[in-house]
C-alpha atoms as a PDB file:
ATOM      1  CA  MET A   1     -17.037 -19.493  10.051  1.00  0.00           C
ATOM      2  CA  ILE A   2     -15.979 -19.879   6.452  1.00  0.00           C
ATOM      3  CA  ILE A   3     -19.518 -20.809   5.314  1.00  0.00           C
ATOM      4  CA  GLU A   4     -22.617 -19.492   7.027  1.00  0.00           C
ATOM      5  CA  THR A   5     -26.228 -19.549   5.863  1.00  0.00           C
ATOM      6  CA  LYS A   6     -29.444 -18.316   7.424  1.00  0.00           C
ATOM      7  CA  ASN A   7     -32.969 -19.199   6.287  1.00  0.00           C
ATOM      8  CA  LEU A   8     -31.808 -20.219   2.817  1.00  0.00           C
ATOM      9  CA  ARG A   9     -34.827 -21.011   0.608  1.00  0.00           C
ATOM     10  CA  LYS A  10     -35.408 -22.026  -3.000  1.00  0.00           C
ATOM     11  CA  SER A  11     -38.590 -23.105  -4.809  1.00  0.00           C
ATOM     12  CA  PHE A  12     -39.147 -24.272  -8.354  1.00  0.00           C
ATOM     13  CA  HIS A  13     -42.336 -23.872 -10.376  1.00  0.00           C
ATOM     14  CA  SER A  14     -43.602 -26.102 -13.159  1.00  0.00           C
ATOM     15  CA  ARG A  15     -46.782 -26.061 -15.201  1.00  0.00           C
ATOM     16  CA  GLN A  16     -49.033 -29.123 -15.137  1.00  0.00           C
ATOM     17  CA  GLY A  17     -51.831 -28.432 -17.535  1.00  0.00           C
ATOM     18  CA  ARG A  18     -53.441 -25.209 -16.361  1.00  0.00           C
ATOM     19  CA  LYS A  19     -52.000 -25.467 -12.873  1.00  0.00           C
ATOM     20  CA  ILE A  20     -48.682 -24.245 -11.566  1.00  0.00           C
ATOM     21  CA  LYS A  21     -46.982 -26.687  -9.218  1.00  0.00           C
ATOM     22  CA  THR A  22     -44.512 -25.331  -6.665  1.00  0.00           C
ATOM     23  CA  VAL A  23     -41.800 -27.525  -5.192  1.00  0.00           C
ATOM     24  CA  GLU A  24     -39.850 -26.234  -2.185  1.00  0.00           C
ATOM     25  CA  ALA A  25     -36.385 -27.672  -2.776  1.00  0.00           C
ATOM     26  CA  VAL A  26     -34.636 -25.827   0.082  1.00  0.00           C
ATOM     27  CA  CYS A  27     -36.693 -24.816   3.122  1.00  0.00           C
ATOM     28  CA  GLY A  28     -34.908 -22.495   5.529  1.00  0.00           C
ATOM     29  CA  VAL A  29     -31.446 -24.071   5.692  1.00  0.00           C
ATOM     30  CA  ASP A  30     -29.159 -22.741   8.444  1.00  0.00           C
ATOM     31  CA  MET A  31     -25.513 -23.841   8.526  1.00  0.00           C
ATOM     32  CA  ALA A  32     -22.236 -22.729  10.070  1.00  0.00           C
ATOM     33  CA  ILE A  33     -19.098 -24.465   8.769  1.00  0.00           C
ATOM     34  CA  ALA A  34     -15.647 -23.871  10.229  1.00  0.00           C
ATOM     35  CA  GLU A  35     -12.542 -23.360   8.136  1.00  0.00           C
ATOM     36  CA  GLY A  36     -10.631 -26.566   7.444  1.00  0.00           C
ATOM     37  CA  GLU A  37     -13.591 -28.918   7.927  1.00  0.00           C
ATOM     38  CA  ILE A  38     -14.778 -31.723   5.716  1.00  0.00           C
ATOM     39  CA  PHE A  39     -18.507 -31.075   5.946  1.00  0.00           C
ATOM     40  CA  GLY A  40     -20.960 -33.632   4.603  1.00  0.00           C
ATOM     41  CA  PHE A  41     -24.471 -33.010   3.315  1.00  0.00           C
ATOM     42  CA  LEU A  42     -26.156 -36.398   3.643  1.00  0.00           C
ATOM     43  CA  GLY A  43     -29.568 -37.273   2.274  1.00  0.00           C
ATOM     44  CA  PRO A  44     -31.505 -39.203  -0.376  1.00  0.00           C
ATOM     45  CA  ASN A  45     -31.789 -38.121  -3.994  1.00  0.00           C
ATOM     46  CA  GLY A  46     -34.200 -35.196  -4.274  1.00  0.00           C
ATOM     47  CA  ALA A  47     -33.693 -34.076  -0.662  1.00  0.00           C
ATOM     48  CA  GLY A  48     -32.257 -30.677  -1.628  1.00  0.00           C
ATOM     49  CA  LYS A  49     -28.516 -31.419  -1.441  1.00  0.00           C
ATOM     50  CA  THR A  50     -27.560 -30.389  -4.953  1.00  0.00           C
ATOM     51  CA  THR A  51     -29.866 -27.353  -4.978  1.00  0.00           C
ATOM     52  CA  THR A  52     -28.252 -26.062  -1.778  1.00  0.00           C
ATOM     53  CA  LEU A  53     -24.798 -26.709  -3.212  1.00  0.00           C
ATOM     54  CA  ARG A  54     -25.634 -24.890  -6.453  1.00  0.00           C
ATOM     55  CA  ILE A  55     -26.858 -21.906  -4.454  1.00  0.00           C
ATOM     56  CA  LEU A  56     -23.621 -21.776  -2.450  1.00  0.00           C
ATOM     57  CA  ALA A  57     -21.616 -22.082  -5.678  1.00  0.00           C
ATOM     58  CA  THR A  58     -23.540 -19.066  -7.126  1.00  0.00           C
ATOM     59  CA  LEU A  59     -25.043 -21.153  -9.939  1.00  0.00           C
ATOM     60  CA  ILE A  60     -28.612 -20.337  -8.891  1.00  0.00           C
ATOM     61  CA  GLU A  61     -29.969 -17.552  -6.707  1.00  0.00           C
ATOM     62  CA  PRO A  62     -31.869 -18.249  -3.490  1.00  0.00           C
ATOM     63  CA  ASP A  63     -35.414 -16.937  -3.126  1.00  0.00           C
ATOM     64  CA  GLU A  64     -34.774 -15.895   0.460  1.00  0.00           C
ATOM     65  CA  GLY A  65     -32.083 -15.931   3.102  1.00  0.00           C
ATOM     66  CA  MET A  66     -28.422 -15.011   3.239  1.00  0.00           C
ATOM     67  CA  ALA A  67     -25.068 -16.714   2.972  1.00  0.00           C
ATOM     68  CA  THR A  68     -21.432 -15.744   3.338  1.00  0.00           C
ATOM     69  CA  ILE A  69     -18.642 -17.778   1.765  1.00  0.00           C
ATOM     70  CA  ALA A  70     -15.028 -17.128   2.768  1.00  0.00           C
ATOM     71  CA  GLY A  71     -16.034 -13.741   4.154  1.00  0.00           C
ATOM     72  CA  VAL A  72     -17.997 -12.624   1.072  1.00  0.00           C
ATOM     73  CA  ASP A  73     -21.743 -12.015   0.847  1.00  0.00           C
ATOM     74  CA  LEU A  74     -23.176 -14.520  -1.628  1.00  0.00           C
ATOM     75  CA  ARG A  75     -25.936 -12.291  -2.979  1.00  0.00           C
ATOM     76  CA  ARG A  76     -24.012  -9.015  -3.102  1.00  0.00           C
ATOM     77  CA  GLU A  77     -20.700 -10.238  -4.535  1.00  0.00           C
ATOM     78  CA  PRO A  78     -21.219 -13.550  -6.374  1.00  0.00           C
ATOM     79  CA  GLY A  79     -18.230 -12.898  -8.633  1.00  0.00           C
ATOM     80  CA  GLU A  80     -15.883 -12.611  -5.675  1.00  0.00           C
ATOM     81  CA  VAL A  81     -17.363 -15.780  -4.162  1.00  0.00           C
ATOM     82  CA  ARG A  82     -16.549 -17.643  -7.402  1.00  0.00           C
ATOM     83  CA  ARG A  83     -12.920 -16.578  -7.147  1.00  0.00           C
ATOM     84  CA  ARG A  84     -12.655 -18.066  -3.664  1.00  0.00           C
ATOM     85  CA  ILE A  85     -14.340 -21.416  -4.278  1.00  0.00           C
ATOM     86  CA  GLY A  86     -13.958 -24.517  -6.417  1.00  0.00           C
ATOM     87  CA  TYR A  87     -16.967 -26.474  -7.676  1.00  0.00           C
ATOM     88  CA  VAL A  88     -17.117 -30.051  -8.974  1.00  0.00           C
ATOM     89  CA  ALA A  89     -20.477 -31.021 -10.433  1.00  0.00           C
ATOM     90  CA  GLN A  90     -21.955 -34.487 -10.089  1.00  0.00           C
ATOM     91  CA  GLY A  91     -21.975 -35.045 -13.854  1.00  0.00           C
ATOM     92  CA  GLY A  92     -18.294 -34.243 -14.381  1.00  0.00           C
ATOM     93  CA  SER A  93     -16.642 -31.721 -16.683  1.00  0.00           C
ATOM     94  CA  THR A  94     -13.858 -33.429 -18.654  1.00  0.00           C
ATOM     95  CA  TRP A  95     -13.729 -33.163 -22.439  1.00  0.00           C
ATOM     96  CA  ASP A  96     -13.260 -36.345 -24.455  1.00  0.00           C
ATOM     97  CA  GLU A  97     -10.835 -34.975 -27.020  1.00  0.00           C
ATOM     98  CA  VAL A  98      -8.287 -33.226 -24.774  1.00  0.00           C
ATOM     99  CA  SER A  99      -5.833 -34.494 -22.172  1.00  0.00           C
ATOM    100  CA  ALA A 100      -5.870 -33.956 -18.424  1.00  0.00           C
ATOM    101  CA  ARG A 101      -2.777 -31.749 -18.694  1.00  0.00           C
ATOM    102  CA  GLU A 102      -4.411 -29.511 -21.315  1.00  0.00           C
ATOM    103  CA  GLU A 103      -7.576 -29.187 -19.249  1.00  0.00           C
ATOM    104  CA  LEU A 104      -5.706 -28.307 -16.066  1.00  0.00           C
ATOM    105  CA  ILE A 105      -3.562 -25.652 -17.751  1.00  0.00           C
ATOM    106  CA  LEU A 106      -6.601 -24.096 -19.415  1.00  0.00           C
ATOM    107  CA  GLN A 107      -8.543 -24.056 -16.148  1.00  0.00           C
ATOM    108  CA  ALA A 108      -5.674 -22.362 -14.325  1.00  0.00           C
ATOM    109  CA  ARG A 109      -5.281 -19.768 -17.090  1.00  0.00           C
ATOM    110  CA  MET A 110      -9.003 -18.960 -16.894  1.00  0.00           C
ATOM    111  CA  TYR A 111      -8.430 -17.933 -13.281  1.00  0.00           C
ATOM    112  CA  GLY A 112      -5.769 -15.446 -14.384  1.00  0.00           C
ATOM    113  CA  ILE A 113      -2.778 -17.601 -13.471  1.00  0.00           C
ATOM    114  CA  SER A 114       0.342 -17.031 -15.605  1.00  0.00           C
ATOM    115  CA  LYS A 115       1.325 -19.625 -18.205  1.00  0.00           C
ATOM    116  CA  THR A 116       4.467 -20.635 -16.291  1.00  0.00           C
ATOM    117  CA  GLU A 117       2.600 -20.996 -12.998  1.00  0.00           C
ATOM    118  CA  ALA A 118      -0.287 -22.813 -14.722  1.00  0.00           C
ATOM    119  CA  ASN A 119       2.144 -25.418 -16.045  1.00  0.00           C
ATOM    120  CA  LYS A 120       3.663 -25.845 -12.581  1.00  0.00           C
ATOM    121  CA  ARG A 121       0.260 -26.271 -10.954  1.00  0.00           C
ATOM    122  CA  ALA A 122      -0.835 -28.737 -13.631  1.00  0.00           C
ATOM    123  CA  ASP A 123       2.300 -30.844 -13.054  1.00  0.00           C
ATOM    124  CA  ARG A 124       1.682 -30.852  -9.303  1.00  0.00           C
ATOM    125  CA  ALA A 125      -2.007 -31.712  -9.675  1.00  0.00           C
ATOM    126  CA  LEU A 126      -1.174 -34.591 -12.016  1.00  0.00           C
ATOM    127  CA  GLU A 127       1.284 -35.925  -9.455  1.00  0.00           C
ATOM    128  CA  VAL A 128      -0.844 -35.616  -6.309  1.00  0.00           C
ATOM    129  CA  PHE A 129      -3.956 -37.003  -8.016  1.00  0.00           C
ATOM    130  CA  GLN A 130      -1.884 -39.838  -9.506  1.00  0.00           C
ATOM    131  CA  LEU A 131      -2.632 -38.871 -13.108  1.00  0.00           C
ATOM    132  CA  THR A 132       0.934 -38.424 -14.414  1.00  0.00           C
ATOM    133  CA  GLU A 133       1.105 -41.811 -16.170  1.00  0.00           C
ATOM    134  CA  PHE A 134      -1.676 -40.924 -18.620  1.00  0.00           C
ATOM    135  CA  ALA A 135      -1.601 -37.113 -18.364  1.00  0.00           C
ATOM    136  CA  ASP A 136      -1.193 -36.591 -22.114  1.00  0.00           C
ATOM    137  CA  ARG A 137      -3.777 -39.121 -23.309  1.00  0.00           C
ATOM    138  CA  LYS A 138      -7.244 -37.960 -24.330  1.00  0.00           C
ATOM    139  CA  CYS A 139      -9.752 -38.042 -21.489  1.00  0.00           C
ATOM    140  CA  LYS A 140     -12.037 -40.371 -23.435  1.00  0.00           C
ATOM    141  CA  THR A 141      -9.499 -43.142 -22.781  1.00  0.00           C
ATOM    142  CA  TYR A 142      -9.679 -42.735 -18.973  1.00  0.00           C
ATOM    143  CA  SER A 143     -11.610 -44.942 -16.579  1.00  0.00           C
ATOM    144  CA  GLY A 144     -14.468 -43.504 -14.517  1.00  0.00           C
ATOM    145  CA  GLY A 145     -12.259 -43.176 -11.460  1.00  0.00           C
ATOM    146  CA  GLN A 146      -9.506 -41.444 -13.449  1.00  0.00           C
ATOM    147  CA  ARG A 147     -11.934 -38.953 -14.979  1.00  0.00           C
ATOM    148  CA  ARG A 148     -13.387 -38.191 -11.557  1.00  0.00           C
ATOM    149  CA  ARG A 149      -9.909 -37.434 -10.225  1.00  0.00           C
ATOM    150  CA  VAL A 150      -9.441 -35.027 -13.134  1.00  0.00           C
ATOM    151  CA  ASP A 151     -12.770 -33.386 -12.242  1.00  0.00           C
ATOM    152  CA  VAL A 152     -11.625 -32.728  -8.674  1.00  0.00           C
ATOM    153  CA  ALA A 153      -8.186 -31.544  -9.822  1.00  0.00           C
ATOM    154  CA  LEU A 154      -9.890 -29.031 -12.137  1.00  0.00           C
ATOM    155  CA  GLY A 155     -12.023 -27.811  -9.251  1.00  0.00           C
ATOM    156  CA  VAL A 156      -9.032 -27.010  -7.029  1.00  0.00           C
ATOM    157  CA  ILE A 157      -6.287 -26.055  -9.525  1.00  0.00           C
ATOM    158  CA  HIS A 158      -6.672 -22.379  -8.545  1.00  0.00           C
ATOM    159  CA  GLU A 159      -6.230 -23.278  -4.845  1.00  0.00           C
ATOM    160  CA  PRO A 160      -9.604 -22.085  -3.555  1.00  0.00           C
ATOM    161  CA  ARG A 161     -10.385 -21.659   0.113  1.00  0.00           C
ATOM    162  CA  VAL A 162     -13.531 -23.796  -0.233  1.00  0.00           C
ATOM    163  CA  ALA A 163     -14.157 -26.804  -2.507  1.00  0.00           C
ATOM    164  CA  PHE A 164     -17.732 -27.906  -3.213  1.00  0.00           C
ATOM    165  CA  LEU A 165     -17.918 -31.538  -4.371  1.00  0.00           C
ATOM    166  CA  ASP A 166     -21.297 -32.850  -5.504  1.00  0.00           C
ATOM    167  CA  GLU A 167     -21.512 -36.650  -5.033  1.00  0.00           C
ATOM    168  CA  PRO A 168     -17.766 -37.067  -5.710  1.00  0.00           C
ATOM    169  CA  THR A 169     -17.734 -40.886  -5.596  1.00  0.00           C
ATOM    170  CA  THR A 170     -21.029 -41.837  -7.280  1.00  0.00           C
ATOM    171  CA  GLY A 171     -20.472 -44.627  -9.785  1.00  0.00           C
ATOM    172  CA  LEU A 172     -16.903 -45.373  -8.707  1.00  0.00           C
ATOM    173  CA  ASP A 173     -15.635 -48.848  -7.897  1.00  0.00           C
ATOM    174  CA  PRO A 174     -14.504 -49.474  -4.272  1.00  0.00           C
ATOM    175  CA  GLN A 175     -10.821 -48.927  -5.017  1.00  0.00           C
ATOM    176  CA  SER A 176     -11.424 -45.631  -6.850  1.00  0.00           C
ATOM    177  CA  ARG A 177     -13.782 -44.546  -4.097  1.00  0.00           C
ATOM    178  CA  ALA A 178     -11.183 -45.197  -1.395  1.00  0.00           C
ATOM    179  CA  HIS A 179      -8.602 -43.262  -3.403  1.00  0.00           C
ATOM    180  CA  MET A 180     -10.991 -40.308  -3.728  1.00  0.00           C
ATOM    181  CA  TRP A 181     -11.420 -40.299   0.055  1.00  0.00           C
ATOM    182  CA  GLU A 182      -7.638 -40.032   0.392  1.00  0.00           C
ATOM    183  CA  GLU A 183      -7.575 -37.059  -1.990  1.00  0.00           C
ATOM    184  CA  ILE A 184     -10.340 -35.271  -0.088  1.00  0.00           C
ATOM    185  CA  ARG A 185      -8.502 -35.781   3.196  1.00  0.00           C
ATOM    186  CA  ARG A 186      -5.337 -34.421   1.572  1.00  0.00           C
ATOM    187  CA  LEU A 187      -7.167 -31.248   0.490  1.00  0.00           C
ATOM    188  CA  ARG A 188      -8.310 -30.707   4.064  1.00  0.00           C
ATOM    189  CA  HIS A 189      -4.771 -31.362   5.333  1.00  0.00           C
ATOM    190  CA  GLU A 190      -3.530 -28.602   3.002  1.00  0.00           C
ATOM    191  CA  GLY A 191      -5.953 -26.146   4.629  1.00  0.00           C
ATOM    192  CA  MET A 192      -8.920 -26.303   2.279  1.00  0.00           C
ATOM    193  CA  THR A 193     -12.505 -26.490   3.522  1.00  0.00           C
ATOM    194  CA  VAL A 194     -14.350 -29.284   1.688  1.00  0.00           C
ATOM    195  CA  PHE A 195     -18.141 -29.395   1.401  1.00  0.00           C
ATOM    196  CA  ILE A 196     -19.412 -32.669  -0.076  1.00  0.00           C
ATOM    197  CA  THR A 197     -22.871 -33.974  -0.827  1.00  0.00           C
ATOM    198  CA  THR A 198     -23.414 -37.715  -0.588  1.00  0.00           C
ATOM    199  CA  HIS A 199     -26.089 -40.347  -0.136  1.00  0.00           C
ATOM    200  CA  TYR A 200     -23.538 -42.917   1.052  1.00  0.00           C
ATOM    201  CA  MET A 201     -23.773 -43.316   4.834  1.00  0.00           C
ATOM    202  CA  ASP A 202     -20.389 -45.023   5.156  1.00  0.00           C
ATOM    203  CA  GLU A 203     -18.764 -42.189   3.219  1.00  0.00           C
ATOM    204  CA  ALA A 204     -20.206 -39.516   5.499  1.00  0.00           C
ATOM    205  CA  ASP A 205     -19.289 -41.547   8.581  1.00  0.00           C
ATOM    206  CA  ALA A 206     -15.695 -42.242   7.571  1.00  0.00           C
ATOM    207  CA  LEU A 207     -14.804 -38.996   5.827  1.00  0.00           C
ATOM    208  CA  CYS A 208     -16.633 -36.055   7.372  1.00  0.00           C
ATOM    209  CA  ASP A 209     -15.776 -34.051  10.467  1.00  0.00           C
ATOM    210  CA  ARG A 210     -19.415 -32.986  10.698  1.00  0.00           C
ATOM    211  CA  VAL A 211     -22.589 -33.969   8.878  1.00  0.00           C
ATOM    212  CA  ALA A 212     -25.928 -32.333   8.189  1.00  0.00           C
ATOM    213  CA  ILE A 213     -28.752 -34.717   7.282  1.00  0.00           C
ATOM    214  CA  ILE A 214     -31.265 -33.106   4.910  1.00  0.00           C
ATOM    215  CA  ASP A 215     -34.704 -34.411   3.977  1.00  0.00           C
ATOM    216  CA  ASN A 216     -37.398 -32.674   1.935  1.00  0.00           C
ATOM    217  CA  GLY A 217     -35.327 -29.503   1.876  1.00  0.00           C
ATOM    218  CA  GLU A 218     -34.904 -29.254   5.650  1.00  0.00           C
ATOM    219  CA  ILE A 219     -31.959 -30.116   7.880  1.00  0.00           C
ATOM    220  CA  VAL A 220     -33.232 -32.715  10.349  1.00  0.00           C
ATOM    221  CA  ALA A 221     -29.967 -33.388  12.212  1.00  0.00           C
ATOM    222  CA  GLU A 222     -26.471 -31.935  12.393  1.00  0.00           C
ATOM    223  CA  GLY A 223     -23.287 -32.815  14.264  1.00  0.00           C
ATOM    224  CA  THR A 224     -20.296 -35.125  14.162  1.00  0.00           C
ATOM    225  CA  PRO A 225     -21.101 -38.647  12.954  1.00  0.00           C
ATOM    226  CA  ALA A 226     -20.232 -39.998  16.417  1.00  0.00           C
ATOM    227  CA  ALA A 227     -22.472 -37.478  18.208  1.00  0.00           C
ATOM    228  CA  LEU A 228     -25.404 -38.168  15.895  1.00  0.00           C
ATOM    229  CA  LYS A 229     -25.110 -41.913  16.435  1.00  0.00           C
ATOM    230  CA  ARG A 230     -24.950 -41.421  20.206  1.00  0.00           C
ATOM    231  CA  GLN A 231     -28.463 -39.981  19.988  1.00  0.00           C
ATOM    232  CA  ILE A 232     -29.591 -43.543  19.237  1.00  0.00           C
ATOM    233  CA  SER A 233     -28.654 -45.328  22.449  1.00  0.00           C
ATOM    234  CA  GLY A 234     -28.237 -49.088  22.803  1.00  0.00           C
ATOM    235  CA  GLU A 235     -27.966 -51.449  19.845  1.00  0.00           C
ATOM    236  CA  VAL A 236     -30.003 -52.316  16.775  1.00  0.00           C
ATOM    237  CA  VAL A 237     -31.210 -55.857  16.093  1.00  0.00           C
ATOM    238  CA  THR A 238     -32.352 -56.591  12.535  1.00  0.00           C
ATOM    239  CA  VAL A 239     -34.614 -59.623  12.167  1.00  0.00           C
ATOM    240  CA  GLY A 240     -35.316 -61.217   8.788  1.00  0.00           C
ATOM    241  CA  LEU A 241     -38.474 -63.308   8.528  1.00  0.00           C
ATOM    242  CA  ASP A 242     -40.080 -65.555   5.961  1.00  0.00           C
ATOM    243  CA  GLY A 243     -43.438 -63.738   5.882  1.00  0.00           C
ATOM    244  CA  GLU A 244     -45.803 -62.764   8.719  1.00  0.00           C
ATOM    245  CA  ILE A 245     -43.943 -59.519   9.438  1.00  0.00           C
ATOM    246  CA  SER A 246     -46.985 -57.840  10.948  1.00  0.00           C
ATOM    247  CA  THR A 247     -47.608 -60.761  13.326  1.00  0.00           C
ATOM    248  CA  ALA A 248     -44.017 -60.737  14.544  1.00  0.00           C
ATOM    249  CA  SER A 249     -44.147 -56.958  14.921  1.00  0.00           C
ATOM    250  CA  GLU A 250     -47.238 -57.113  17.125  1.00  0.00           C
ATOM    251  CA  MET A 251     -45.635 -59.758  19.332  1.00  0.00           C
ATOM    252  CA  LEU A 252     -42.274 -58.043  19.758  1.00  0.00           C
ATOM    253  CA  GLU A 253     -43.132 -54.341  20.033  1.00  0.00           C
ATOM    254  CA  THR A 254     -44.710 -54.808  23.490  1.00  0.00           C
ATOM    255  CA  LYS A 255     -41.726 -56.654  24.948  1.00  0.00           C
ATOM    256  CA  PRO A 256     -39.977 -54.716  27.755  1.00  0.00           C
ATOM    257  CA  TYR A 257     -36.534 -55.092  26.166  1.00  0.00           C
ATOM    258  CA  VAL A 258     -37.679 -53.403  22.905  1.00  0.00           C
ATOM    259  CA  ARG A 259     -37.520 -49.600  23.061  1.00  0.00           C
ATOM    260  CA  LYS A 260     -38.605 -49.044  19.454  1.00  0.00           C
ATOM    261  CA  LEU A 261     -39.553 -51.206  16.497  1.00  0.00           C
ATOM    262  CA  GLU A 262     -39.620 -50.367  12.781  1.00  0.00           C
ATOM    263  CA  ILE A 263     -40.801 -52.464   9.821  1.00  0.00           C
ATOM    264  CA  CYS A 264     -38.317 -52.189   6.929  1.00  0.00           C
ATOM    265  CA  GLU A 265     -39.486 -54.177   3.880  1.00  0.00           C
ATOM    266  CA  GLU A 266     -39.063 -57.859   4.883  1.00  0.00           C
ATOM    267  CA  ASN A 267     -37.151 -57.063   8.073  1.00  0.00           C
ATOM    268  CA  LEU A 268     -37.865 -55.824  11.556  1.00  0.00           C
ATOM    269  CA  ARG A 269     -35.498 -53.308  13.109  1.00  0.00           C
ATOM    270  CA  LEU A 270     -35.556 -53.347  16.915  1.00  0.00           C
ATOM    271  CA  TYR A 271     -33.802 -50.803  19.139  1.00  0.00           C
ATOM    272  CA  VAL A 272     -32.706 -52.487  22.357  1.00  0.00           C
ATOM    273  CA  GLU A 273     -30.378 -51.726  25.258  1.00  0.00           C
ATOM    274  CA  GLU A 274     -28.272 -54.888  25.025  1.00  0.00           C
ATOM    275  CA  GLY A 275     -28.319 -56.918  21.823  1.00  0.00           C
ATOM    276  CA  ALA A 276     -26.707 -59.984  23.359  1.00  0.00           C
ATOM    277  CA  THR A 277     -29.468 -60.149  25.984  1.00  0.00           C
ATOM    278  CA  ALA A 278     -32.316 -59.339  23.614  1.00  0.00           C
ATOM    279  CA  VAL A 279     -31.473 -61.774  20.806  1.00  0.00           C
ATOM    280  CA  PRO A 280     -32.166 -65.035  22.728  1.00  0.00           C
ATOM    281  CA  GLN A 281     -35.491 -63.609  23.925  1.00  0.00           C
ATOM    282  CA  ILE A 282     -36.441 -62.530  20.391  1.00  0.00           C
ATOM    283  CA  MET A 283     -35.619 -65.983  19.046  1.00  0.00           C
ATOM    284  CA  ARG A 284     -37.635 -67.734  21.770  1.00  0.00           C
ATOM    285  CA  THR A 285     -40.647 -65.502  21.087  1.00  0.00           C
ATOM    286  CA  LEU A 286     -40.575 -66.163  17.351  1.00  0.00           C
ATOM    287  CA  GLU A 287     -39.987 -69.901  17.742  1.00  0.00           C
ATOM    288  CA  GLY A 288     -42.835 -70.127  20.255  1.00  0.00           C
ATOM    289  CA  ALA A 289     -45.161 -68.619  17.651  1.00  0.00           C
ATOM    290  CA  HIS A 290     -43.785 -70.945  14.944  1.00  0.00           C
ATOM    291  CA  LEU A 291     -42.529 -68.002  12.865  1.00  0.00           C
ATOM    292  CA  MET A 292     -39.704 -68.799  10.442  1.00  0.00           C
ATOM    293  CA  LEU A 293     -36.559 -66.830  11.242  1.00  0.00           C
ATOM    294  CA  LYS A 294     -34.292 -66.201   8.218  1.00  0.00           C
ATOM    295  CA  SER A 295     -31.615 -64.017   9.794  1.00  0.00           C
ATOM    296  CA  ILE A 296     -30.786 -61.971  12.849  1.00  0.00           C
ATOM    297  CA  THR A 297     -27.958 -59.434  13.230  1.00  0.00           C
ATOM    298  CA  ILE A 298     -26.767 -56.930  15.825  1.00  0.00           C
ATOM    299  CA  HIS A 299     -25.021 -53.648  15.078  1.00  0.00           C
ATOM    300  CA  ARG A 300     -24.258 -50.350  16.694  1.00  0.00           C
ATOM    301  CA  PRO A 301     -26.438 -47.441  15.516  1.00  0.00           C
ATOM    302  CA  SER A 302     -25.480 -46.024  12.109  1.00  0.00           C
ATOM    303  CA  LEU A 303     -26.274 -42.764  10.355  1.00  0.00           C
ATOM    304  CA  ASP A 304     -29.063 -44.649   8.611  1.00  0.00           C
ATOM    305  CA  ASP A 305     -30.569 -45.303  12.056  1.00  0.00           C
ATOM    306  CA  VAL A 306     -30.292 -41.583  12.801  1.00  0.00           C
ATOM    307  CA  PHE A 307     -32.084 -40.789   9.535  1.00  0.00           C
ATOM    308  CA  LEU A 308     -34.765 -43.354  10.367  1.00  0.00           C
ATOM    309  CA  ALA A 309     -35.262 -41.899  13.847  1.00  0.00           C
ATOM    310  CA  LYS A 310     -35.595 -38.351  12.444  1.00  0.00           C
ATOM    311  CA  THR A 311     -37.773 -39.068   9.389  1.00  0.00           C
ATOM    312  CA  GLY A 312     -39.550 -42.353  10.048  1.00  0.00           C
ATOM    313  CA  ARG A 313     -37.939 -44.126   7.094  1.00  0.00           C
ATOM    314  CA  SER A 314     -34.576 -45.581   6.161  1.00  0.00           C
ATOM    315  CA  LEU A 315     -32.150 -43.554   4.075  1.00  0.00           C
ATOM    316  CA  ARG A 316     -31.602 -46.657   1.936  1.00  0.00           C
ATOM    317  CA  GLU A 317     -35.340 -46.826   1.244  1.00  0.00           C
ATOM    318  CA  ALA A 318     -35.535 -43.080   0.570  1.00  0.00           C
END
């Protein structure tokens, strides 16, 4: 395994008046990630994704536990780990007053790459990340999607074995987001292991070979997106109502065709074996009670349904 962790823990302490408050950000995380994977860390903001990533990138030290990255012990040889990884922070790292080409050459030189080779790598990065057209303009003139592509290019210019990408598509428009997915797949195709954090369920589903879902600092589920969704058998029917949610819930949760029911804001989420069979019965029950139906949809289980099943709440709500 190119990344392996055991019982990784990290707490933060803050003073509130005379009291010290302790927050456990990472609570015994165990992971084993194979070389060449796109591995996704999926969870809501504040779940522990970024803290775990910063530990693995040697930016903060764990309180307990062990980790090896690309064959190197994280705690014993953090400097060697840094030479074997690339890290792209959520907030970005481009400078307003320099160009993408200048940044890429400087980044390569900082890793001990010769000037000639640094120029070659910068040219290639500009081409593969589709930055050549504006490579010599100042970064302050770039769009959000263009700057994010520069961020990722900077993180991999030294050709690391592992790339850590923290929320790589947050704030991007759909087109830029789709392009970033293509770049991440290309990195994996070239042999790089990519570890991404995300709170986008569709991103984890479409992009990642395997996913770990983290909540309150603990991994609550891990596997391929398909395998995780298979844990939620049947189909999901979402019912939108104009009020009286609790009444509808009481009527429907005892029906034999409903395996599980969850109240999600103004909607009911029902887990059933066959949506096509259940929907007419749901509609008849609601109409018989004179409850106003606003909408009803059927879908196959998603990673959000997995998160809901494991934590009792929707990832969107979290």
